[in-house]
Amino acid sequence: MPNPHRQEKLGELIAAELSELLRTRVKDPRVGFASITHVEVSGDLRHAKIFVSVMGSPEEQKETMKGLRNATGFLRHELATRLVLRYMPELAFKLDTSIEEGARILALINQVEQEDREIASNPEGE
């Protein structure tokens, strides 16, 4: 039976180490401003889904994800030297758009509030 606490701790450790590796060791120019938002580790600790937030245009995001997929072997090897695990999980990078969605929703809320203030400041008869 999988231990969810161990999965969570391993995910946090992988996220921290990958963030450090992306900042210091990955030299691929395609990997732009990317940050690890979350890591999900499977119950058998053999697979890890790494959710990455990428700032930039959709083309830049696509290129960054391509660069990360190409660097998977290097990153997995580097993680193996830093973490003491029996099996190093297979890494799968997924684009995380939740930050962009949150910003878009916040902008819509602000727009509605602004429109409500304008309607309230202009009485109906004027």
Protein backbone atom coordinates (compact mmCIF):
# COMPACT_ATOMS: atom_id res chain seq x y z
CA MET A 1 0.00 0.00 0.00
CA PRO A 2 1.48 3.38 -1.00
CA ASN A 3 2.43 5.82 1.70
CA PRO A 4 0.94 9.21 0.69
CA HIS A 5 3.16 11.06 3.15
CA ARG A 6 6.29 9.59 1.58
CA GLN A 7 5.02 10.41 -1.91
CA GLU A 8 4.38 14.00 -0.86
CA LYS A 9 7.78 14.41 0.82
CA LEU A 10 9.57 12.92 -2.20
CA GLY A 11 7.60 15.23 -4.51
CA GLU A 12 8.65 18.26 -2.47
CA LEU A 13 12.28 17.12 -2.47
CA ILE A 14 12.27 16.52 -6.23
CA ALA A 15 10.66 19.95 -6.80
CA ALA A 16 13.32 21.70 -4.73
CA GLU A 17 16.21 19.88 -6.40
CA LEU A 18 14.81 20.37 -9.91
CA SER A 19 14.31 24.08 -9.26
CA GLU A 20 17.94 24.34 -8.23
CA LEU A 21 19.06 22.36 -11.29
CA LEU A 22 17.00 24.52 -13.66
CA ARG A 23 18.56 27.65 -12.20
CA THR A 24 22.16 26.48 -12.12
CA ARG A 25 22.84 23.51 -14.43
CA VAL A 26 20.47 23.58 -17.41
CA LYS A 27 22.11 25.61 -20.17
CA ASP A 28 19.51 25.02 -22.90
CA PRO A 29 18.50 28.45 -24.27
CA ARG A 30 14.98 27.14 -24.96
CA VAL A 31 14.37 26.73 -21.23
CA GLY A 32 13.24 30.23 -20.39
CA PHE A 33 11.66 31.48 -17.20
CA ALA A 34 10.29 28.18 -15.90
CA SER A 35 9.38 27.31 -12.33
CA ILE A 36 8.33 24.02 -10.79
CA THR A 37 4.88 24.42 -9.26
CA HIS A 38 4.09 20.88 -8.14
CA VAL A 39 5.37 17.32 -8.36
CA GLU A 40 3.11 14.26 -8.20
CA VAL A 41 4.83 10.97 -7.44
CA SER A 42 3.13 7.66 -8.21
CA GLY A 43 2.36 5.18 -5.44
CA ASP A 44 5.25 2.90 -6.39
CA LEU A 45 7.63 5.93 -6.54
CA ARG A 46 8.63 5.00 -10.11
CA HIS A 47 7.03 7.93 -11.94
CA ALA A 48 6.90 11.65 -11.23
CA LYS A 49 4.78 14.25 -13.02
CA ILE A 50 6.47 17.63 -12.80
CA PHE A 51 4.15 20.58 -13.32
CA VAL A 52 6.00 23.56 -14.75
CA SER A 53 4.79 27.14 -15.04
CA VAL A 54 6.40 29.02 -17.92
CA MET A 55 6.17 32.76 -18.40
CA GLY A 56 6.00 33.94 -21.98
CA SER A 57 4.07 33.50 -25.18
CA PRO A 58 2.56 30.14 -26.16
CA GLU A 59 5.46 29.60 -28.58
CA GLU A 60 8.00 30.23 -25.81
CA GLN A 61 6.10 27.87 -23.52
CA LYS A 62 6.13 25.18 -26.19
CA GLU A 63 9.88 25.61 -26.77
CA THR A 64 10.58 25.53 -23.02
CA MET A 65 8.62 22.30 -22.63
CA LYS A 66 10.49 20.82 -25.59
CA GLY A 67 13.79 21.83 -23.98
CA LEU A 68 12.77 20.29 -20.66
CA ARG A 69 11.75 17.04 -22.34
CA ASN A 70 15.13 16.92 -24.09
CA ALA A 71 16.89 17.54 -20.76
CA THR A 72 14.95 14.80 -18.94
CA GLY A 73 17.83 12.30 -19.01
CA PHE A 74 20.32 14.86 -17.74
CA LEU A 75 17.96 16.02 -14.99
CA ARG A 76 17.18 12.45 -13.92
CA HIS A 77 20.90 11.66 -13.75
CA GLU A 78 21.60 14.79 -11.72
CA LEU A 79 18.75 13.95 -9.34
CA ALA A 80 20.16 10.45 -8.90
CA THR A 81 23.48 11.93 -7.75
CA ARG A 82 21.73 14.26 -5.28
CA LEU A 83 19.02 11.99 -3.85
CA VAL A 84 19.54 8.63 -2.20
CA LEU A 85 16.76 6.46 -3.63
CA ARG A 86 16.60 2.85 -4.69
CA TYR A 87 14.90 3.83 -7.96
CA MET A 88 14.96 7.26 -9.51
CA PRO A 89 11.46 8.06 -10.81
CA GLU A 90 10.86 8.57 -14.52
CA LEU A 91 10.23 12.28 -15.07
CA ALA A 92 7.31 13.61 -17.11
CA PHE A 93 6.99 17.37 -17.55
CA LYS A 94 3.53 18.93 -17.84
CA LEU A 95 2.73 22.57 -18.54
CA ASP A 96 0.91 24.16 -15.59
CA THR A 97 -1.35 27.00 -16.68
CA SER A 98 -3.06 27.49 -13.31
CA ILE A 99 -1.13 30.71 -12.55
CA GLU A 100 -2.15 32.22 -15.89
CA GLU A 101 -5.76 31.15 -15.37
CA GLY A 102 -5.75 32.69 -11.90
CA ALA A 103 -4.38 35.95 -13.26
CA ARG A 104 -7.00 35.98 -16.03
CA ILE A 105 -9.83 35.38 -13.53
CA LEU A 106 -8.47 38.08 -11.23
CA ALA A 107 -8.37 40.54 -14.16
CA LEU A 108 -12.01 39.70 -14.98
CA ILE A 109 -13.05 40.24 -11.36
CA ASN A 110 -11.25 43.60 -11.30
CA GLN A 111 -12.95 44.58 -14.56
CA VAL A 112 -16.40 43.76 -13.17
CA GLU A 113 -15.67 45.69 -9.96
CA GLN A 114 -14.53 48.71 -12.00
CA GLU A 115 -17.71 48.59 -14.08
CA ASP A 116 -19.82 48.35 -10.91
CA ARG A 117 -18.06 51.42 -9.45
CA GLU A 118 -18.68 53.36 -12.67
CA ILE A 119 -22.37 52.43 -12.66
CA ALA A 120 -22.69 53.37 -8.97
CA SER A 121 -21.00 56.75 -9.47
CA ASN A 122 -23.24 57.66 -12.45
CA PRO A 123 -26.91 57.77 -11.39
CA GLU A 124 -29.39 56.33 -13.88
CA GLY A 125 -31.06 59.65 -14.79
CA GLU A 126 -27.97 61.62 -15.81
